[in-house]
Amino acid sequence: KCLNAKKQNVEEWEAEINDKVAYLYGLTAQEIKIINFDLN
C-alpha cells in the first residue's frame, strides 16, 4: 500500500506496520515509549 501510494499519505499504514513489528519483537508499552521518545 505504501508503494502504491508513492509515499503520499502513508502515515496510517506506517503506524500499523510499527505496531505489528513491535508485537513481533515482544515489546512492552514502556519499551515502545523509550523508542518513541528517542526518535522524537
All heavy atoms as atom14 arrays in JSON, in Angstrom:
{
  "sequence": "KCLNAKKQNVEEWEAEINDKVAYLYGLTAQEIKIINFDLN",
  "atom14_mask": [
    [1, 1, 1, 1, 1, 1, 1, 1, 1, 0, 0, 0, 0, 0],
    [1, 1, 1, 1, 1, 1, 0, 0, 0, 0, 0, 0, 0, 0],
    [1, 1, 1, 1, 1, 1, 1, 1, 0, 0, 0, 0, 0, 0],
    [1, 1, 1, 1, 1, 1, 1, 1, 0, 0, 0, 0, 0, 0],
    [1, 1, 1, 1, 1, 0, 0, 0, 0, 0, 0, 0, 0, 0],
    [1, 1, 1, 1, 1, 1, 1, 1, 1, 0, 0, 0, 0, 0],
    [1, 1, 1, 1, 1, 1, 1, 1, 1, 0, 0, 0, 0, 0],
    [1, 1, 1, 1, 1, 1, 1, 1, 1, 0, 0, 0, 0, 0],
    [1, 1, 1, 1, 1, 1, 1, 1, 0, 0, 0, 0, 0, 0],
    [1, 1, 1, 1, 1, 1, 1, 0, 0, 0, 0, 0, 0, 0],
    [1, 1, 1, 1, 1, 1, 1, 1, 1, 0, 0, 0, 0, 0],
    [1, 1, 1, 1, 1, 1, 1, 1, 1, 0, 0, 0, 0, 0],
    [1, 1, 1, 1, 1, 1, 1, 1, 1, 1, 1, 1, 1, 1],
    [1, 1, 1, 1, 1, 1, 1, 1, 1, 0, 0, 0, 0, 0],
    [1, 1, 1, 1, 1, 0, 0, 0, 0, 0, 0, 0, 0, 0],
    [1, 1, 1, 1, 1, 1, 1, 1, 1, 0, 0, 0, 0, 0],
    [1, 1, 1, 1, 1, 1, 1, 1, 0, 0, 0, 0, 0, 0],
    [1, 1, 1, 1, 1, 1, 1, 1, 0, 0, 0, 0, 0, 0],
    [1, 1, 1, 1, 1, 1, 1, 1, 0, 0, 0, 0, 0, 0],
    [1, 1, 1, 1, 1, 1, 1, 1, 1, 0, 0, 0, 0, 0],
    [1, 1, 1, 1, 1, 1, 1, 0, 0, 0, 0, 0, 0, 0],
    [1, 1, 1, 1, 1, 0, 0, 0, 0, 0, 0, 0, 0, 0],
    [1, 1, 1, 1, 1, 1, 1, 1, 1, 1, 1, 1, 0, 0],
    [1, 1, 1, 1, 1, 1, 1, 1, 0, 0, 0, 0, 0, 0],
    [1, 1, 1, 1, 1, 1, 1, 1, 1, 1, 1, 1, 0, 0],
    [1, 1, 1, 1, 0, 0, 0, 0, 0, 0, 0, 0, 0, 0],
    [1, 1, 1, 1, 1, 1, 1, 1, 0, 0, 0, 0, 0, 0],
    [1, 1, 1, 1, 1, 1, 1, 0, 0, 0, 0, 0, 0, 0],
    [1, 1, 1, 1, 1, 0, 0, 0, 0, 0, 0, 0, 0, 0],
    [1, 1, 1, 1, 1, 1, 1, 1, 1, 0, 0, 0, 0, 0],
    [1, 1, 1, 1, 1, 1, 1, 1, 1, 0, 0, 0, 0, 0],
    [1, 1, 1, 1, 1, 1, 1, 1, 0, 0, 0, 0, 0, 0],
    [1, 1, 1, 1, 1, 1, 1, 1, 1, 0, 0, 0, 0, 0],
    [1, 1, 1, 1, 1, 1, 1, 1, 0, 0, 0, 0, 0, 0],
    [1, 1, 1, 1, 1, 1, 1, 1, 0, 0, 0, 0, 0, 0],
    [1, 1, 1, 1, 1, 1, 1, 1, 0, 0, 0, 0, 0, 0],
    [1, 1, 1, 1, 1, 1, 1, 1, 1, 1, 1, 0, 0, 0],
    [1, 1, 1, 1, 1, 1, 1, 1, 0, 0, 0, 0, 0, 0],
    [1, 1, 1, 1, 1, 1, 1, 1, 0, 0, 0, 0, 0, 0],
    [1, 1, 1, 1, 1, 1, 1, 1, 0, 0, 0, 0, 0, 0]
  ],
  "atom14_positions": [
    [[0.84, -1.2, 0.0], [0.0, 0.0, 0.0], [0.87, 1.26, 0.0], [0.56, 2.24, -0.69], [-0.93, -0.01, 1.22], [-2.03, -1.06, 1.14], [-2.91, -1.01, 2.38], [-4.04, -2.04, 2.28], [-4.92, -2.03, 3.47], [0.0, 0.0, 0.0], [0.0, 0.0, 0.0], [0.0, 0.0, 0.0], [0.0, 0.0, 0.0], [0.0, 0.0, 0.0]],
    [[1.95, 1.23, 0.78], [2.87, 2.38, 0.8], [3.53, 2.56, -0.57], [3.71, 3.69, -1.03], [3.94, 2.18, 1.88], [3.31, 2.21, 3.58], [0.0, 0.0, 0.0], [0.0, 0.0, 0.0], [0.0, 0.0, 0.0], [0.0, 0.0, 0.0], [0.0, 0.0, 0.0], [0.0, 0.0, 0.0], [0.0, 0.0, 0.0], [0.0, 0.0, 0.0]],
    [[3.88, 1.44, -1.21], [4.5, 1.52, -2.52], [3.52, 2.07, -3.57], [3.87, 2.92, -4.38], [4.99, 0.14, -2.96], [6.12, -0.49, -2.13], [6.38, -1.92, -2.57], [7.39, 0.34, -2.25], [0.0, 0.0, 0.0], [0.0, 0.0, 0.0], [0.0, 0.0, 0.0], [0.0, 0.0, 0.0], [0.0, 0.0, 0.0], [0.0, 0.0, 0.0]],
    [[2.28, 1.58, -3.51], [1.28, 2.02, -4.48], [0.96, 3.5, -4.32], [0.68, 4.2, -5.3], [0.0, 1.21, -4.33], [0.19, -0.25, -4.72], [1.14, -0.6, -5.42], [-0.71, -1.11, -4.26], [0.0, 0.0, 0.0], [0.0, 0.0, 0.0], [0.0, 0.0, 0.0], [0.0, 0.0, 0.0], [0.0, 0.0, 0.0], [0.0, 0.0, 0.0]],
    [[1.01, 3.98, -3.06], [0.69, 5.39, -2.79], [1.84, 6.32, -3.11], [1.68, 7.54, -3.05], [0.29, 5.54, -1.32], [0.0, 0.0, 0.0], [0.0, 0.0, 0.0], [0.0, 0.0, 0.0], [0.0, 0.0, 0.0], [0.0, 0.0, 0.0], [0.0, 0.0, 0.0], [0.0, 0.0, 0.0], [0.0, 0.0, 0.0], [0.0, 0.0, 0.0]],
    [[3.02, 5.73, -3.42], [4.21, 6.52, -3.75], [4.5, 7.58, -2.68], [4.69, 8.75, -2.95], [4.07, 7.16, -5.13], [3.93, 6.13, -6.24], [4.04, 6.76, -7.6], [3.86, 5.71, -8.7], [4.87, 4.64, -8.64], [0.0, 0.0, 0.0], [0.0, 0.0, 0.0], [0.0, 0.0, 0.0], [0.0, 0.0, 0.0], [0.0, 0.0, 0.0]],
    [[4.45, 7.1, -1.42], [4.84, 7.88, -0.24], [3.84, 8.97, 0.16], [4.1, 9.75, 1.05], [6.24, 8.5, -0.44], [7.32, 7.5, -0.81], [8.65, 8.15, -1.07], [8.64, 9.02, -2.31], [8.35, 8.27, -3.53], [0.0, 0.0, 0.0], [0.0, 0.0, 0.0], [0.0, 0.0, 0.0], [0.0, 0.0, 0.0], [0.0, 0.0, 0.0]],
    [[2.7, 9.04, -0.51], [1.71, 10.07, -0.2], [0.68, 9.54, 0.8], [0.06, 8.5, 0.56], [1.0, 10.54, -1.48], [1.93, 11.13, -2.52], [2.64, 12.37, -2.01], [2.04, 13.25, -1.39], [3.95, 12.45, -2.28], [0.0, 0.0, 0.0], [0.0, 0.0, 0.0], [0.0, 0.0, 0.0], [0.0, 0.0, 0.0], [0.0, 0.0, 0.0]],
    [[0.54, 10.23, 1.93], [-0.47, 9.88, 2.94], [-0.35, 8.43, 3.4], [-1.33, 7.68, 3.45], [-1.88, 10.13, 2.38], [-2.08, 11.57, 1.93], [-1.69, 12.5, 2.64], [-2.67, 11.76, 0.77], [0.0, 0.0, 0.0], [0.0, 0.0, 0.0], [0.0, 0.0, 0.0], [0.0, 0.0, 0.0], [0.0, 0.0, 0.0], [0.0, 0.0, 0.0]],
    [[0.87, 8.05, 3.76], [1.11, 6.67, 4.19], [1.25, 6.54, 5.7], [1.56, 5.46, 6.21], [2.4, 6.12, 3.51], [2.25, 6.1, 1.99], [3.62, 6.94, 3.91], [0.0, 0.0, 0.0], [0.0, 0.0, 0.0], [0.0, 0.0, 0.0], [0.0, 0.0, 0.0], [0.0, 0.0, 0.0], [0.0, 0.0, 0.0], [0.0, 0.0, 0.0]],
    [[1.03, 7.62, 6.41], [1.28, 7.63, 7.86], [0.47, 6.55, 8.59], [0.99, 5.91, 9.52], [0.95, 9.01, 8.45], [1.87, 10.14, 8.01], [1.55, 10.67, 6.63], [0.48, 10.27, 6.09], [2.31, 11.48, 6.09], [0.0, 0.0, 0.0], [0.0, 0.0, 0.0], [0.0, 0.0, 0.0], [0.0, 0.0, 0.0], [0.0, 0.0, 0.0]],
    [[-0.79, 6.36, 8.2], [-1.63, 5.38, 8.88], [-1.08, 3.97, 8.68], [-1.03, 3.16, 9.62], [-3.05, 5.47, 8.35], [-4.02, 4.52, 9.05], [-5.45, 4.67, 8.55], [-5.76, 5.7, 7.91], [-6.25, 3.75, 8.81], [0.0, 0.0, 0.0], [0.0, 0.0, 0.0], [0.0, 0.0, 0.0], [0.0, 0.0, 0.0], [0.0, 0.0, 0.0]],
    [[-0.66, 3.65, 7.47], [-0.1, 2.32, 7.21], [1.23, 2.14, 7.9], [1.54, 1.06, 8.41], [0.04, 2.1, 5.7], [-1.27, 2.13, 4.98], [-2.46, 1.58, 5.39], [-1.54, 2.79, 3.73], [-3.44, 1.83, 4.47], [-2.92, 2.57, 3.44], [-0.78, 3.51, 2.83], [-3.52, 3.06, 2.29], [-1.37, 4.0, 1.68], [-2.73, 3.77, 1.42]],
    [[2.05, 3.19, 7.96], [3.33, 3.1, 8.66], [3.11, 2.87, 10.15], [3.85, 2.09, 10.76], [4.14, 4.37, 8.43], [4.69, 4.51, 7.02], [5.56, 5.73, 6.84], [5.36, 6.72, 7.57], [6.45, 5.7, 5.98], [0.0, 0.0, 0.0], [0.0, 0.0, 0.0], [0.0, 0.0, 0.0], [0.0, 0.0, 0.0], [0.0, 0.0, 0.0]],
    [[2.11, 3.52, 10.73], [1.81, 3.32, 12.15], [1.38, 1.88, 12.4], [1.76, 1.27, 13.41], [0.72, 4.29, 12.59], [0.0, 0.0, 0.0], [0.0, 0.0, 0.0], [0.0, 0.0, 0.0], [0.0, 0.0, 0.0], [0.0, 0.0, 0.0], [0.0, 0.0, 0.0], [0.0, 0.0, 0.0], [0.0, 0.0, 0.0], [0.0, 0.0, 0.0]],
    [[0.61, 1.32, 11.47], [0.17, -0.07, 11.61], [1.35, -1.02, 11.48], [1.44, -2.02, 12.2], [-0.9, -0.38, 10.57], [-1.64, -1.68, 10.83], [-2.84, -1.88, 9.92], [-3.25, -0.92, 9.23], [-3.36, -3.02, 9.91], [0.0, 0.0, 0.0], [0.0, 0.0, 0.0], [0.0, 0.0, 0.0], [0.0, 0.0, 0.0], [0.0, 0.0, 0.0]],
    [[2.27, -0.72, 10.56], [3.49, -1.52, 10.44], [4.28, -1.49, 11.74], [4.74, -2.52, 12.24], [4.35, -1.02, 9.27], [3.7, -1.36, 7.93], [5.77, -1.61, 9.33], [4.37, -0.73, 6.72], [0.0, 0.0, 0.0], [0.0, 0.0, 0.0], [0.0, 0.0, 0.0], [0.0, 0.0, 0.0], [0.0, 0.0, 0.0], [0.0, 0.0, 0.0]],
    [[4.44, -0.3, 12.32], [5.18, -0.18, 13.58], [4.54, -1.01, 14.68], [5.24, -1.66, 15.47], [5.25, 1.29, 14.01], [6.2, 2.11, 13.14], [7.12, 1.57, 12.55], [5.97, 3.41, 13.08], [0.0, 0.0, 0.0], [0.0, 0.0, 0.0], [0.0, 0.0, 0.0], [0.0, 0.0, 0.0], [0.0, 0.0, 0.0], [0.0, 0.0, 0.0]],
    [[3.23, -0.99, 14.76], [2.53, -1.77, 15.78], [2.75, -3.27, 15.59], [3.01, -4.01, 16.56], [1.03, -1.47, 15.75], [0.69, -0.08, 16.28], [1.55, 0.51, 16.97], [-0.41, 0.41, 16.01], [0.0, 0.0, 0.0], [0.0, 0.0, 0.0], [0.0, 0.0, 0.0], [0.0, 0.0, 0.0], [0.0, 0.0, 0.0], [0.0, 0.0, 0.0]],
    [[2.65, -3.71, 14.34], [2.81, -5.14, 14.07], [4.25, -5.59, 14.32], [4.49, -6.69, 14.84], [2.39, -5.45, 12.63], [0.89, -5.36, 12.37], [0.55, -5.67, 10.92], [-0.94, -5.63, 10.67], [-1.65, -6.73, 11.37], [0.0, 0.0, 0.0], [0.0, 0.0, 0.0], [0.0, 0.0, 0.0], [0.0, 0.0, 0.0], [0.0, 0.0, 0.0]],
    [[5.21, -4.75, 13.96], [6.61, -5.09, 14.19], [6.91, -5.12, 15.69], [7.61, -6.02, 16.17], [7.53, -4.08, 13.46], [8.99, -4.29, 13.87], [7.39, -4.23, 11.95], [0.0, 0.0, 0.0], [0.0, 0.0, 0.0], [0.0, 0.0, 0.0], [0.0, 0.0, 0.0], [0.0, 0.0, 0.0], [0.0, 0.0, 0.0], [0.0, 0.0, 0.0]],
    [[6.38, -4.16, 16.43], [6.58, -4.14, 17.88], [6.04, -5.42, 18.53], [6.65, -5.99, 19.45], [5.91, -2.91, 18.49], [0.0, 0.0, 0.0], [0.0, 0.0, 0.0], [0.0, 0.0, 0.0], [0.0, 0.0, 0.0], [0.0, 0.0, 0.0], [0.0, 0.0, 0.0], [0.0, 0.0, 0.0], [0.0, 0.0, 0.0], [0.0, 0.0, 0.0]],
    [[4.91, -5.89, 18.03], [4.32, -7.14, 18.54], [5.25, -8.32, 18.27], [5.44, -9.19, 19.15], [2.95, -7.36, 17.9], [2.33, -8.69, 18.23], [1.68, -8.89, 19.45], [2.41, -9.76, 17.33], [1.14, -10.13, 19.77], [1.86, -10.99, 17.64], [1.23, -11.18, 18.86], [0.69, -12.4, 19.17], [0.0, 0.0, 0.0], [0.0, 0.0, 0.0]],
    [[5.82, -8.37, 17.07], [6.7, -9.48, 16.73], [7.92, -9.54, 17.64], [8.4, -10.62, 17.98], [7.15, -9.36, 15.27], [6.1, -9.59, 14.19], [6.69, -9.34, 12.81], [5.54, -11.0, 14.28], [0.0, 0.0, 0.0], [0.0, 0.0, 0.0], [0.0, 0.0, 0.0], [0.0, 0.0, 0.0], [0.0, 0.0, 0.0], [0.0, 0.0, 0.0]],
    [[8.44, -8.37, 18.03], [9.61, -8.32, 18.91], [9.24, -8.45, 20.39], [10.12, -8.46, 21.24], [10.39, -7.03, 18.68], [11.17, -7.0, 17.39], [10.63, -6.45, 16.24], [12.45, -7.55, 17.31], [11.34, -6.43, 15.04], [13.17, -7.53, 16.13], [12.61, -6.98, 15.0], [13.3, -6.97, 13.81], [0.0, 0.0, 0.0], [0.0, 0.0, 0.0]],
    [[7.95, -8.52, 20.68], [7.5, -8.69, 22.06], [7.77, -7.49, 22.94], [8.06, -7.63, 24.14], [0.0, 0.0, 0.0], [0.0, 0.0, 0.0], [0.0, 0.0, 0.0], [0.0, 0.0, 0.0], [0.0, 0.0, 0.0], [0.0, 0.0, 0.0], [0.0, 0.0, 0.0], [0.0, 0.0, 0.0], [0.0, 0.0, 0.0], [0.0, 0.0, 0.0]],
    [[7.66, -6.27, 22.37], [7.97, -5.07, 23.14], [6.84, -4.7, 24.08], [5.66, -4.82, 23.75], [8.26, -3.9, 22.2], [9.44, -4.06, 21.24], [9.73, -2.75, 20.54], [10.69, -4.57, 21.96], [0.0, 0.0, 0.0], [0.0, 0.0, 0.0], [0.0, 0.0, 0.0], [0.0, 0.0, 0.0], [0.0, 0.0, 0.0], [0.0, 0.0, 0.0]],
    [[7.22, -4.19, 25.24], [6.24, -3.71, 26.21], [5.91, -2.25, 25.9], [6.59, -1.59, 25.11], [6.81, -3.8, 27.63], [7.93, -2.89, 27.74], [7.27, -5.21, 27.94], [0.0, 0.0, 0.0], [0.0, 0.0, 0.0], [0.0, 0.0, 0.0], [0.0, 0.0, 0.0], [0.0, 0.0, 0.0], [0.0, 0.0, 0.0], [0.0, 0.0, 0.0]],
    [[4.88, -1.75, 26.57], [4.49, -0.35, 26.38], [5.64, 0.58, 26.79], [5.88, 1.61, 26.15], [3.23, -0.05, 27.2], [0.0, 0.0, 0.0], [0.0, 0.0, 0.0], [0.0, 0.0, 0.0], [0.0, 0.0, 0.0], [0.0, 0.0, 0.0], [0.0, 0.0, 0.0], [0.0, 0.0, 0.0], [0.0, 0.0, 0.0], [0.0, 0.0, 0.0]],
    [[6.37, 0.24, 27.85], [7.48, 1.06, 28.31], [8.62, 1.06, 27.3], [9.24, 2.1, 27.03], [7.99, 0.55, 29.67], [9.18, 1.32, 30.23], [8.9, 2.8, 30.43], [7.77, 3.2, 30.69], [9.93, 3.63, 30.31], [0.0, 0.0, 0.0], [0.0, 0.0, 0.0], [0.0, 0.0, 0.0], [0.0, 0.0, 0.0], [0.0, 0.0, 0.0]],
    [[8.88, -0.08, 26.68], [9.95, -0.16, 25.68], [9.58, 0.62, 24.42], [10.44, 1.29, 23.82], [10.23, -1.63, 25.36], [10.92, -2.36, 26.5], [10.91, -3.86, 26.35], [10.05, -4.39, 25.61], [11.77, -4.53, 26.96], [0.0, 0.0, 0.0], [0.0, 0.0, 0.0], [0.0, 0.0, 0.0], [0.0, 0.0, 0.0], [0.0, 0.0, 0.0]],
    [[8.33, 0.56, 24.03], [7.87, 1.37, 22.88], [7.98, 2.85, 23.21], [8.36, 3.66, 22.36], [6.42, 0.99, 22.52], [6.35, -0.45, 22.01], [5.85, 1.95, 21.47], [4.97, -0.97, 21.8], [0.0, 0.0, 0.0], [0.0, 0.0, 0.0], [0.0, 0.0, 0.0], [0.0, 0.0, 0.0], [0.0, 0.0, 0.0], [0.0, 0.0, 0.0]],
    [[7.72, 3.18, 24.45], [7.82, 4.58, 24.88], [9.27, 5.06, 24.78], [9.54, 6.2, 24.37], [7.32, 4.71, 26.32], [7.27, 6.14, 26.84], [6.7, 6.19, 28.25], [6.66, 7.61, 28.76], [6.11, 7.66, 30.16], [0.0, 0.0, 0.0], [0.0, 0.0, 0.0], [0.0, 0.0, 0.0], [0.0, 0.0, 0.0], [0.0, 0.0, 0.0]],
    [[10.23, 4.22, 25.16], [11.66, 4.57, 25.05], [12.0, 4.86, 23.61], [12.67, 5.86, 23.28], [12.54, 3.43, 25.6], [12.37, 3.3, 27.11], [14.01, 3.68, 25.25], [13.06, 2.08, 27.69], [0.0, 0.0, 0.0], [0.0, 0.0, 0.0], [0.0, 0.0, 0.0], [0.0, 0.0, 0.0], [0.0, 0.0, 0.0], [0.0, 0.0, 0.0]],
    [[11.57, 4.01, 22.69], [11.87, 4.17, 21.27], [11.24, 5.45, 20.74], [11.91, 6.25, 20.07], [11.38, 2.95, 20.48], [12.25, 1.73, 20.82], [11.39, 3.22, 18.97], [11.75, 0.43, 20.24], [0.0, 0.0, 0.0], [0.0, 0.0, 0.0], [0.0, 0.0, 0.0], [0.0, 0.0, 0.0], [0.0, 0.0, 0.0], [0.0, 0.0, 0.0]],
    [[9.97, 5.67, 21.03], [9.29, 6.85, 20.5], [9.87, 8.14, 21.07], [9.98, 9.15, 20.38], [7.8, 6.77, 20.82], [7.1, 5.68, 20.02], [7.59, 5.28, 18.96], [5.98, 5.19, 20.51], [0.0, 0.0, 0.0], [0.0, 0.0, 0.0], [0.0, 0.0, 0.0], [0.0, 0.0, 0.0], [0.0, 0.0, 0.0], [0.0, 0.0, 0.0]],
    [[10.27, 8.1, 22.34], [10.86, 9.29, 22.97], [12.18, 9.64, 22.31], [12.45, 10.81, 21.99], [11.08, 9.04, 24.47], [11.74, 10.2, 25.18], [10.98, 11.29, 25.57], [13.1, 10.2, 25.44], [11.58, 12.37, 26.23], [13.7, 11.27, 26.08], [12.93, 12.35, 26.48], [0.0, 0.0, 0.0], [0.0, 0.0, 0.0], [0.0, 0.0, 0.0]],
    [[13.03, 8.63, 22.06], [14.33, 8.88, 21.43], [14.16, 9.42, 20.01], [14.89, 10.31, 19.59], [15.14, 7.58, 21.38], [15.78, 7.26, 22.72], [15.62, 8.05, 23.66], [16.44, 6.2, 22.83], [0.0, 0.0, 0.0], [0.0, 0.0, 0.0], [0.0, 0.0, 0.0], [0.0, 0.0, 0.0], [0.0, 0.0, 0.0], [0.0, 0.0, 0.0]],
    [[13.2, 8.87, 19.26], [13.03, 9.27, 17.87], [12.4, 10.64, 17.74], [12.57, 11.31, 16.72], [12.19, 8.23, 17.13], [12.82, 6.84, 16.99], [11.91, 5.92, 16.21], [14.18, 6.93, 16.32], [0.0, 0.0, 0.0], [0.0, 0.0, 0.0], [0.0, 0.0, 0.0], [0.0, 0.0, 0.0], [0.0, 0.0, 0.0], [0.0, 0.0, 0.0]],
    [[11.67, 11.04, 18.74], [11.01, 12.36, 18.69], [11.88, 13.44, 19.3], [11.57, 14.62, 19.21], [9.65, 12.3, 19.39], [8.68, 11.41, 18.65], [8.73, 11.28, 17.43], [7.77, 10.76, 19.37], [0.0, 0.0, 0.0], [0.0, 0.0, 0.0], [0.0, 0.0, 0.0], [0.0, 0.0, 0.0], [0.0, 0.0, 0.0], [0.0, 0.0, 0.0]]
  ]
}
